[in-house]
Amino acid sequence: MLRHYISIARPDHWFKNIFMLPGIIMAIIYAKPELSQDLVINLIAGIFATCLIASSNYVINEWLDAEFDKYHPVKKNRPSLVANLNPVIIYLEYAFLALAGLSLSLVISPWFALTEAVFLMMGFMYNVKPLRTKEKAFMDVITESINNPIRFILGWMIIITLPFPPSSILIAYWMGGAFLMATKRLAEYRFIGDPDKARQYRKSFNYYNENRLLISIFFYAICSAFFLGIFLIKYRIELLISFPFIALLFAWYLKIGFEENSIVQTPEKLYKKKKFILYIVFLFCLLIFLFLADIEWFTWFLKKIN
């Protein structure tokens, strides 16, 4: 029975906190902190605190979704439906994970703890009535994907408390997350294959269909590209070299989203797409190189017409 309570906390989803990594790396490049025992402790504490907060969100998500998950071909086998779980223990687990995460976050700073509280609050808004934004078309994607820039800020704050990271990269990160989430919605809709069953499973499918989801995917991708372009030009012109490679990443992910029973429905299993993961590693290395390299002739792009 214990394994079911561990399962609904989804420790296998902790990998999503890898979205903290760009924030950590950018802050290190910006602040150039010395490697120390305190820095290592902060890194471990900050990442683990975020994992605990994420798990508290997953616990409440799975428990409150049970009445709808029974209409999903796969999710109907989740522990919240097939195991006789005690609701009192569920809510105690949620409270324990939330309090443990917030307490541990104070090791970093009050600002870091406050950001973790926002992370927790967004999970509450997404899952709990009367707000329960996951049932409202477009709001579901927007409020879920905002966890991406929150994770970026958390990674940044492990190294630097203030100032905040540039708003352009945060919005690009947010819209990039919305692109991923909308692609997941599209894959779910296609997998269920029956609009009536889809509406029973997720209320936002009362409005969504394939065309509307696809249009929203393009909207989020364009918004992300626009704000990413602002960041690249304003802060590191060399990063423009990475732009077509980032565009390819978006296109490749959307292609995966169109596959039958697409793996983007369960992003924690993306590691099975080995070529895609290798490409992400290549792109990551390219971005690090461009952050550190100075290509003098590239400033030509910044020259105004006389």
Foldseek 3Di string as FASTA:
>chain_A
DVVLLVVLLPLLPLVVLCLQVVLQVVLCLVVVDDDDPLLVLLVVLLSVLLSLLSSLLSLLQLLLLQQQLCLAPPSCPRCSNPPPDDVVVSVVSSVVSNVVSLVSLVSLPPLLSVLSVVVNVLSCQCRDPPNVLQQAAPSNLQSVLLVSLSSSQSSNSSNPVDDTPDPLLSLLSSLVSSLLVLLLVLLRQVQSVDLVSNCSNGVNSVPDDNVVSVVSNVVSNVSSLVSVVVCCVPPAVLCVVLSVLVVVLSVVSSVQSPDHSRCSNPVSPCVVVVVSVVSVVVSVVVNVCSSPDDDPVSCVVVDDDD
